[in-house]
Amino acid sequence: MLFRSHAIDITLSLRAAVILKEEYPLTGTLIQKEKKSYRFRAIVHNLKPVTRFVIGFFGEVTIHGSPGFKKHVREQVRKMVGA
């Protein structure tokens, strides 16, 4: 599941959008300004980096669609908290 194509669609706070651009400069063109937030849509081939980012910005990132990605994030959080 980790190393295949996944459509990612997330809403970001300003802080999360700035850090995403800073850590991954090539994402800059994929981040779109919305009224009160930013939207990042992309096809990724490895869920590890984006999962780590989403968990690290808990409360500042919302996952849209992407049922496989949501499931993966849930599984990682369960492992992290020992549930």
PDB file of N, CA and C in Angstrom:
ATOM      1  N   MET A   1       0.812  -1.202   0.000  1.00  0.00           N
ATOM      2  CA  MET A   1       0.000   0.000   0.000  1.00  0.00           C
ATOM      3  C   MET A   1       0.854   1.264   0.000  1.00  0.00           C
ATOM      4  N   LEU A   2       1.995   1.228   0.652  1.00  0.00           N
ATOM      5  CA  LEU A   2       2.802   2.438   0.751  1.00  0.00           C
ATOM      6  C   LEU A   2       3.343   2.921  -0.590  1.00  0.00           C
ATOM      7  N   PHE A   3       3.827   2.010  -1.436  1.00  0.00           N
ATOM      8  CA  PHE A   3       4.539   2.426  -2.627  1.00  0.00           C
ATOM      9  C   PHE A   3       3.746   2.199  -3.910  1.00  0.00           C
ATOM     10  N   ARG A   4       2.607   2.841  -4.005  1.00  0.00           N
ATOM     11  CA  ARG A   4       1.841   2.889  -5.251  1.00  0.00           C
ATOM     12  C   ARG A   4       1.242   4.279  -5.333  1.00  0.00           C
ATOM     13  N   SER A   5       0.581   4.620  -6.398  1.00  0.00           N
ATOM     14  CA  SER A   5       0.046   5.970  -6.558  1.00  0.00           C
ATOM     15  C   SER A   5      -1.177   6.193  -5.673  1.00  0.00           C
ATOM     16  N   HIS A   6      -1.180   7.335  -4.985  1.00  0.00           N
ATOM     17  CA  HIS A   6      -2.280   7.716  -4.109  1.00  0.00           C
ATOM     18  C   HIS A   6      -2.642   9.171  -4.390  1.00  0.00           C
ATOM     19  N   ALA A   7      -3.936   9.437  -4.565  1.00  0.00           N
ATOM     20  CA  ALA A   7      -4.399  10.812  -4.719  1.00  0.00           C
ATOM     21  C   ALA A   7      -4.566  11.410  -3.328  1.00  0.00           C
ATOM     22  N   ILE A   8      -3.886  12.506  -3.079  1.00  0.00           N
ATOM     23  CA  ILE A   8      -3.940  13.181  -1.787  1.00  0.00           C
ATOM     24  C   ILE A   8      -4.652  14.515  -1.968  1.00  0.00           C
ATOM     25  N   ASP A   9      -5.578  14.806  -1.081  1.00  0.00           N
ATOM     26  CA  ASP A   9      -6.320  16.068  -1.102  1.00  0.00           C
ATOM     27  C   ASP A   9      -6.496  16.510   0.342  1.00  0.00           C
ATOM     28  N   ILE A  10      -5.741  17.538   0.744  1.00  0.00           N
ATOM     29  CA  ILE A  10      -5.803  18.010   2.125  1.00  0.00           C
ATOM     30  C   ILE A  10      -5.942  19.522   2.182  1.00  0.00           C
ATOM     31  N   THR A  11      -6.610  19.995   3.222  1.00  0.00           N
ATOM     32  CA  THR A  11      -6.702  21.425   3.519  1.00  0.00           C
ATOM     33  C   THR A  11      -5.690  21.725   4.607  1.00  0.00           C
ATOM     34  N   LEU A  12      -4.998  22.850   4.468  1.00  0.00           N
ATOM     35  CA  LEU A  12      -3.915  23.219   5.370  1.00  0.00           C
ATOM     36  C   LEU A  12      -4.150  24.583   5.995  1.00  0.00           C
ATOM     37  N   SER A  13      -3.674  24.767   7.208  1.00  0.00           N
ATOM     38  CA  SER A  13      -3.618  26.100   7.806  1.00  0.00           C
ATOM     39  C   SER A  13      -2.487  26.863   7.105  1.00  0.00           C
ATOM     40  N   LEU A  14      -2.409  28.150   7.343  1.00  0.00           N
ATOM     41  CA  LEU A  14      -1.320  28.952   6.776  1.00  0.00           C
ATOM     42  C   LEU A  14       0.030  28.395   7.232  1.00  0.00           C
ATOM     43  N   ARG A  15       0.156  28.118   8.522  1.00  0.00           N
ATOM     44  CA  ARG A  15       1.420  27.603   9.066  1.00  0.00           C
ATOM     45  C   ARG A  15       1.805  26.283   8.406  1.00  0.00           C
ATOM     46  N   ALA A  16       0.844  25.367   8.270  1.00  0.00           N
ATOM     47  CA  ALA A  16       1.124  24.072   7.649  1.00  0.00           C
ATOM     48  C   ALA A  16       1.529  24.250   6.185  1.00  0.00           C
ATOM     49  N   ALA A  17       0.861  25.161   5.475  1.00  0.00           N
ATOM     50  CA  ALA A  17       1.197  25.403   4.066  1.00  0.00           C
ATOM     51  C   ALA A  17       2.613  25.961   3.921  1.00  0.00           C
ATOM     52  N   VAL A  18       2.978  26.883   4.791  1.00  0.00           N
ATOM     53  CA  VAL A  18       4.322  27.471   4.739  1.00  0.00           C
ATOM     54  C   VAL A  18       5.384  26.414   5.010  1.00  0.00           C
ATOM     55  N   ILE A  19       5.158  25.588   6.021  1.00  0.00           N
ATOM     56  CA  ILE A  19       6.133  24.546   6.361  1.00  0.00           C
ATOM     57  C   ILE A  19       6.222  23.499   5.249  1.00  0.00           C
ATOM     58  N   LEU A  20       5.082  23.140   4.660  1.00  0.00           N
ATOM     59  CA  LEU A  20       5.099  22.168   3.559  1.00  0.00           C
ATOM     60  C   LEU A  20       5.947  22.694   2.403  1.00  0.00           C
ATOM     61  N   LYS A  21       5.746  23.963   2.032  1.00  0.00           N
ATOM     62  CA  LYS A  21       6.544  24.565   0.948  1.00  0.00           C
ATOM     63  C   LYS A  21       8.023  24.618   1.326  1.00  0.00           C
ATOM     64  N   GLU A  22       8.302  24.902   2.588  1.00  0.00           N
ATOM     65  CA  GLU A  22       9.682  25.014   3.050  1.00  0.00           C
ATOM     66  C   GLU A  22      10.391  23.654   3.021  1.00  0.00           C
ATOM     67  N   GLU A  23       9.706  22.618   3.516  1.00  0.00           N
ATOM     68  CA  GLU A  23      10.312  21.292   3.577  1.00  0.00           C
ATOM     69  C   GLU A  23      10.338  20.576   2.226  1.00  0.00           C
ATOM     70  N   TYR A  24       9.331  20.852   1.394  1.00  0.00           N
ATOM     71  CA  TYR A  24       9.213  20.213   0.077  1.00  0.00           C
ATOM     72  C   TYR A  24       8.950  21.300  -0.963  1.00  0.00           C
ATOM     73  N   PRO A  25       9.981  22.020  -1.402  1.00  0.00           N
ATOM     74  CA  PRO A  25       9.805  23.166  -2.297  1.00  0.00           C
ATOM     75  C   PRO A  25       9.011  22.881  -3.573  1.00  0.00           C
ATOM     76  N   LEU A  26       9.073  21.680  -4.094  1.00  0.00           N
ATOM     77  CA  LEU A  26       8.358  21.370  -5.332  1.00  0.00           C
ATOM     78  C   LEU A  26       6.837  21.330  -5.142  1.00  0.00           C
ATOM     79  N   THR A  27       6.366  21.339  -3.894  1.00  0.00           N
ATOM     80  CA  THR A  27       4.915  21.340  -3.646  1.00  0.00           C
ATOM     81  C   THR A  27       4.308  22.724  -3.837  1.00  0.00           C
ATOM     82  N   GLY A  28       5.129  23.748  -3.918  1.00  0.00           N
ATOM     83  CA  GLY A  28       4.638  25.124  -4.008  1.00  0.00           C
ATOM     84  C   GLY A  28       3.588  25.349  -5.077  1.00  0.00           C
ATOM     85  N   THR A  29       3.774  24.761  -6.233  1.00  0.00           N
ATOM     86  CA  THR A  29       2.814  24.957  -7.328  1.00  0.00           C
ATOM     87  C   THR A  29       1.536  24.147  -7.133  1.00  0.00           C
ATOM     88  N   LEU A  30       1.550  23.215  -6.188  1.00  0.00           N
ATOM     89  CA  LEU A  30       0.376  22.360  -5.944  1.00  0.00           C
ATOM     90  C   LEU A  30      -0.476  22.848  -4.780  1.00  0.00           C
ATOM     91  N   ILE A  31      -0.039  23.892  -4.100  1.00  0.00           N
ATOM     92  CA  ILE A  31      -0.783  24.444  -2.967  1.00  0.00           C
ATOM     93  C   ILE A  31      -1.565  25.655  -3.451  1.00  0.00           C
ATOM     94  N   GLN A  32      -2.877  25.584  -3.311  1.00  0.00           N
ATOM     95  CA  GLN A  32      -3.765  26.648  -3.787  1.00  0.00           C
ATOM     96  C   GLN A  32      -4.390  27.389  -2.607  1.00  0.00           C
ATOM     97  N   LYS A  33      -4.414  28.702  -2.678  1.00  0.00           N
ATOM     98  CA  LYS A  33      -5.041  29.530  -1.641  1.00  0.00           C
ATOM     99  C   LYS A  33      -6.547  29.422  -1.764  1.00  0.00           C
ATOM    100  N   GLU A  34      -7.223  29.218  -0.644  1.00  0.00           N
ATOM    101  CA  GLU A  34      -8.679  29.254  -0.580  1.00  0.00           C
ATOM    102  C   GLU A  34      -9.050  30.421   0.330  1.00  0.00           C
ATOM    103  N   LYS A  35     -10.324  30.605   0.617  1.00  0.00           N
ATOM    104  CA  LYS A  35     -10.735  31.761   1.423  1.00  0.00           C
ATOM    105  C   LYS A  35      -9.992  31.870   2.747  1.00  0.00           C
ATOM    106  N   LYS A  36     -10.050  30.818   3.562  1.00  0.00           N
ATOM    107  CA  LYS A  36      -9.434  30.890   4.885  1.00  0.00           C
ATOM    108  C   LYS A  36      -8.388  29.804   5.108  1.00  0.00           C
ATOM    109  N   SER A  37      -7.989  29.137   4.056  1.00  0.00           N
ATOM    110  CA  SER A  37      -7.035  28.041   4.196  1.00  0.00           C
ATOM    111  C   SER A  37      -6.311  27.818   2.876  1.00  0.00           C
ATOM    112  N   TYR A  38      -5.591  26.721   2.806  1.00  0.00           N
ATOM    113  CA  TYR A  38      -4.853  26.333   1.601  1.00  0.00           C
ATOM    114  C   TYR A  38      -5.212  24.892   1.280  1.00  0.00           C
ATOM    115  N   ARG A  39      -5.144  24.545   0.003  1.00  0.00           N
ATOM    116  CA  ARG A  39      -5.500  23.195  -0.433  1.00  0.00           C
ATOM    117  C   ARG A  39      -4.319  22.597  -1.177  1.00  0.00           C
ATOM    118  N   PHE A  40      -3.981  21.384  -0.815  1.00  0.00           N
ATOM    119  CA  PHE A  40      -2.904  20.653  -1.475  1.00  0.00           C
ATOM    120  C   PHE A  40      -3.496  19.400  -2.089  1.00  0.00           C
ATOM    121  N   ARG A  41      -3.358  19.289  -3.404  1.00  0.00           N
ATOM    122  CA  ARG A  41      -3.822  18.103  -4.136  1.00  0.00           C
ATOM    123  C   ARG A  41      -2.651  17.587  -4.961  1.00  0.00           C
ATOM    124  N   ALA A  42      -2.401  16.288  -4.835  1.00  0.00           N
ATOM    125  CA  ALA A  42      -1.282  15.711  -5.578  1.00  0.00           C
ATOM    126  C   ALA A  42      -1.426  14.198  -5.639  1.00  0.00           C
ATOM    127  N   ILE A  43      -0.689  13.621  -6.551  1.00  0.00           N
ATOM    128  CA  ILE A  43      -0.530  12.174  -6.608  1.00  0.00           C
ATOM    129  C   ILE A  43       0.831  11.896  -5.988  1.00  0.00           C
ATOM    130  N   VAL A  44       0.855  11.035  -4.971  1.00  0.00           N
ATOM    131  CA  VAL A  44       2.118  10.673  -4.330  1.00  0.00           C
ATOM    132  C   VAL A  44       2.323   9.174  -4.485  1.00  0.00           C
ATOM    133  N   HIS A  45       3.568   8.762  -4.390  1.00  0.00           N
ATOM    134  CA  HIS A  45       3.898   7.344  -4.560  1.00  0.00           C
ATOM    135  C   HIS A  45       4.384   6.709  -3.264  1.00  0.00           C
ATOM    136  N   ASN A  46       4.501   7.511  -2.234  1.00  0.00           N
ATOM    137  CA  ASN A  46       4.937   7.021  -0.930  1.00  0.00           C
ATOM    138  C   ASN A  46       4.143   7.775   0.128  1.00  0.00           C
ATOM    139  N   LEU A  47       3.364   7.062   0.920  1.00  0.00           N
ATOM    140  CA  LEU A  47       2.527   7.702   1.935  1.00  0.00           C
ATOM    141  C   LEU A  47       3.292   8.121   3.189  1.00  0.00           C
ATOM    142  N   LYS A  48       4.475   7.595   3.403  1.00  0.00           N
ATOM    143  CA  LYS A  48       5.198   7.895   4.644  1.00  0.00           C
ATOM    144  C   LYS A  48       5.403   9.390   4.882  1.00  0.00           C
ATOM    145  N   PRO A  49       5.981  10.137   3.943  1.00  0.00           N
ATOM    146  CA  PRO A  49       6.225  11.559   4.219  1.00  0.00           C
ATOM    147  C   PRO A  49       4.947  12.360   4.464  1.00  0.00           C
ATOM    148  N   VAL A  50       3.920  12.136   3.658  1.00  0.00           N
ATOM    149  CA  VAL A  50       2.692  12.912   3.826  1.00  0.00           C
ATOM    150  C   VAL A  50       1.955  12.496   5.093  1.00  0.00           C
ATOM    151  N   THR A  51       2.037  11.240   5.479  1.00  0.00           N
ATOM    152  CA  THR A  51       1.429  10.788   6.730  1.00  0.00           C
ATOM    153  C   THR A  51       2.125  11.438   7.920  1.00  0.00           C
ATOM    154  N   ARG A  52       3.426  11.438   7.895  1.00  0.00           N
ATOM    155  CA  ARG A  52       4.217  12.068   8.959  1.00  0.00           C
ATOM    156  C   ARG A  52       3.860  13.547   9.069  1.00  0.00           C
ATOM    157  N   PHE A  53       3.700  14.213   7.926  1.00  0.00           N
ATOM    158  CA  PHE A  53       3.352  15.631   7.920  1.00  0.00           C
ATOM    159  C   PHE A  53       1.968  15.858   8.520  1.00  0.00           C
ATOM    160  N   VAL A  54       0.980  15.076   8.086  1.00  0.00           N
ATOM    161  CA  VAL A  54      -0.394  15.232   8.570  1.00  0.00           C
ATOM    162  C   VAL A  54      -0.465  14.993  10.080  1.00  0.00           C
ATOM    163  N   ILE A  55       0.181  13.949  10.565  1.00  0.00           N
ATOM    164  CA  ILE A  55       0.157  13.670  12.003  1.00  0.00           C
ATOM    165  C   ILE A  55       0.864  14.780  12.777  1.00  0.00           C
ATOM    166  N   GLY A  56       1.948  15.288  12.225  1.00  0.00           N
ATOM    167  CA  GLY A  56       2.700  16.359  12.876  1.00  0.00           C
ATOM    168  C   GLY A  56       1.944  17.672  12.950  1.00  0.00           C
ATOM    169  N   PHE A  57       0.997  17.868  12.061  1.00  0.00           N
ATOM    170  CA  PHE A  57       0.207  19.101  12.053  1.00  0.00           C
ATOM    171  C   PHE A  57      -1.247  18.815  12.429  1.00  0.00           C
ATOM    172  N   PHE A  58      -1.425  17.882  13.361  1.00  0.00           N
ATOM    173  CA  PHE A  58      -2.752  17.535  13.849  1.00  0.00           C
ATOM    174  C   PHE A  58      -3.513  18.811  14.217  1.00  0.00           C
ATOM    175  N   GLY A  59      -4.740  18.920  13.741  1.00  0.00           N
ATOM    176  CA  GLY A  59      -5.558  20.101  14.018  1.00  0.00           C
ATOM    177  C   GLY A  59      -5.384  21.217  13.003  1.00  0.00           C
ATOM    178  N   GLU A  60      -4.348  21.116  12.165  1.00  0.00           N
ATOM    179  CA  GLU A  60      -4.101  22.132  11.151  1.00  0.00           C
ATOM    180  C   GLU A  60      -4.245  21.576   9.737  1.00  0.00           C
ATOM    181  N   VAL A  61      -4.576  20.298   9.647  1.00  0.00           N
ATOM    182  CA  VAL A  61      -4.719  19.629   8.355  1.00  0.00           C
ATOM    183  C   VAL A  61      -6.014  18.814   8.374  1.00  0.00           C
ATOM    184  N   THR A  62      -6.772  18.895   7.277  1.00  0.00           N
ATOM    185  CA  THR A  62      -7.983  18.091   7.113  1.00  0.00           C
ATOM    186  C   THR A  62      -7.826  17.259   5.849  1.00  0.00           C
ATOM    187  N   ILE A  63      -8.082  15.971   5.962  1.00  0.00           N
ATOM    188  CA  ILE A  63      -7.986  15.070   4.809  1.00  0.00           C
ATOM    189  C   ILE A  63      -9.346  15.003   4.130  1.00  0.00           C
ATOM    190  N   HIS A  64      -9.381  15.203   2.813  1.00  0.00           N
ATOM    191  CA  HIS A  64     -10.607  15.107   2.020  1.00  0.00           C
ATOM    192  C   HIS A  64     -10.521  13.875   1.128  1.00  0.00           C
ATOM    193  N   GLY A  65     -11.652  13.233   0.896  1.00  0.00           N
ATOM    194  CA  GLY A  65     -11.646  12.075  -0.002  1.00  0.00           C
ATOM    195  C   GLY A  65     -10.580  11.084   0.422  1.00  0.00           C
ATOM    196  N   SER A  66      -9.814  10.611  -0.504  1.00  0.00           N
ATOM    197  CA  SER A  66      -8.661   9.740  -0.261  1.00  0.00           C
ATOM    198  C   SER A  66      -8.914   8.679   0.812  1.00  0.00           C
ATOM    199  N   PRO A  67      -9.906   7.779   0.633  1.00  0.00           N
ATOM    200  CA  PRO A  67     -10.205   6.796   1.676  1.00  0.00           C
ATOM    201  C   PRO A  67      -9.008   5.930   2.062  1.00  0.00           C
ATOM    202  N   GLY A  68      -8.186   5.566   1.102  1.00  0.00           N
ATOM    203  CA  GLY A  68      -7.003   4.760   1.411  1.00  0.00           C
ATOM    204  C   GLY A  68      -6.007   5.514   2.275  1.00  0.00           C
ATOM    205  N   PHE A  69      -5.855   6.801   2.016  1.00  0.00           N
ATOM    206  CA  PHE A  69      -4.943   7.625   2.810  1.00  0.00           C
ATOM    207  C   PHE A  69      -5.495   7.817   4.220  1.00  0.00           C
ATOM    208  N   LYS A  70      -6.792   8.071   4.334  1.00  0.00           N
ATOM    209  CA  LYS A  70      -7.409   8.214   5.659  1.00  0.00           C
ATOM    210  C   LYS A  70      -7.199   6.950   6.488  1.00  0.00           C
ATOM    211  N   LYS A  71      -7.410   5.805   5.853  1.00  0.00           N
ATOM    212  CA  LYS A  71      -7.236   4.522   6.542  1.00  0.00           C
ATOM    213  C   LYS A  71      -5.789   4.363   7.005  1.00  0.00           C
ATOM    214  N   HIS A  72      -4.853   4.713   6.143  1.00  0.00           N
ATOM    215  CA  HIS A  72      -3.435   4.598   6.484  1.00  0.00           C
ATOM    216  C   HIS A  72      -3.092   5.500   7.680  1.00  0.00           C
ATOM    217  N   VAL A  73      -3.579   6.730   7.677  1.00  0.00           N
ATOM    218  CA  VAL A  73      -3.310   7.652   8.785  1.00  0.00           C
ATOM    219  C   VAL A  73      -3.905   7.090  10.080  1.00  0.00           C
ATOM    220  N   ARG A  74      -5.142   6.607  10.009  1.00  0.00           N
ATOM    221  CA  ARG A  74      -5.779   6.004  11.197  1.00  0.00           C
ATOM    222  C   ARG A  74      -4.927   4.860  11.758  1.00  0.00           C
ATOM    223  N   GLU A  75      -4.456   3.987  10.872  1.00  0.00           N
ATOM    224  CA  GLU A  75      -3.633   2.854  11.306  1.00  0.00           C
ATOM    225  C   GLU A  75      -2.351   3.328  11.984  1.00  0.00           C
ATOM    226  N   GLN A  76      -1.727   4.343  11.426  1.00  0.00           N
ATOM    227  CA  GLN A  76      -0.476   4.857  12.004  1.00  0.00           C
ATOM    228  C   GLN A  76      -0.719   5.485  13.371  1.00  0.00           C
ATOM    229  N   VAL A  77      -1.836   6.211  13.519  1.00  0.00           N
ATOM    230  CA  VAL A  77      -2.162   6.813  14.806  1.00  0.00           C
ATOM    231  C   VAL A  77      -2.451   5.729  15.836  1.00  0.00           C
ATOM    232  N   ARG A  78      -3.178   4.690  15.440  1.00  0.00           N
ATOM    233  CA  ARG A  78      -3.452   3.568  16.354  1.00  0.00           C
ATOM    234  C   ARG A  78      -2.146   2.940  16.847  1.00  0.00           C
ATOM    235  N   LYS A  79      -1.212   2.739  15.928  1.00  0.00           N
ATOM    236  CA  LYS A  79       0.090   2.175  16.317  1.00  0.00           C
ATOM    237  C   LYS A  79       0.807   3.103  17.302  1.00  0.00           C
ATOM    238  N   MET A  80       0.697   4.384  17.052  1.00  0.00           N
ATOM    239  CA  MET A  80       1.398   5.375  17.856  1.00  0.00           C
ATOM    240  C   MET A  80       0.853   5.395  19.294  1.00  0.00           C
ATOM    241  N   VAL A  81      -0.466   5.254  19.443  1.00  0.00           N
ATOM    242  CA  VAL A  81      -1.069   5.331  20.779  1.00  0.00           C
ATOM    243  C   VAL A  81      -1.272   3.953  21.406  1.00  0.00           C
ATOM    244  N   GLY A  82      -0.914   2.921  20.665  1.00  0.00           N
ATOM    245  CA  GLY A  82      -0.993   1.570  21.198  1.00  0.00           C
ATOM    246  C   GLY A  82      -2.406   1.015  21.272  1.00  0.00           C
ATOM    247  N   ALA A  83      -3.283   1.459  20.379  1.00  0.00           N
ATOM    248  CA  ALA A  83      -4.666   0.952  20.390  1.00  0.00           C
ATOM    249  C   ALA A  83      -4.840  -0.165  19.396  1.00  0.00           C
TER     250      ALA A  83
END
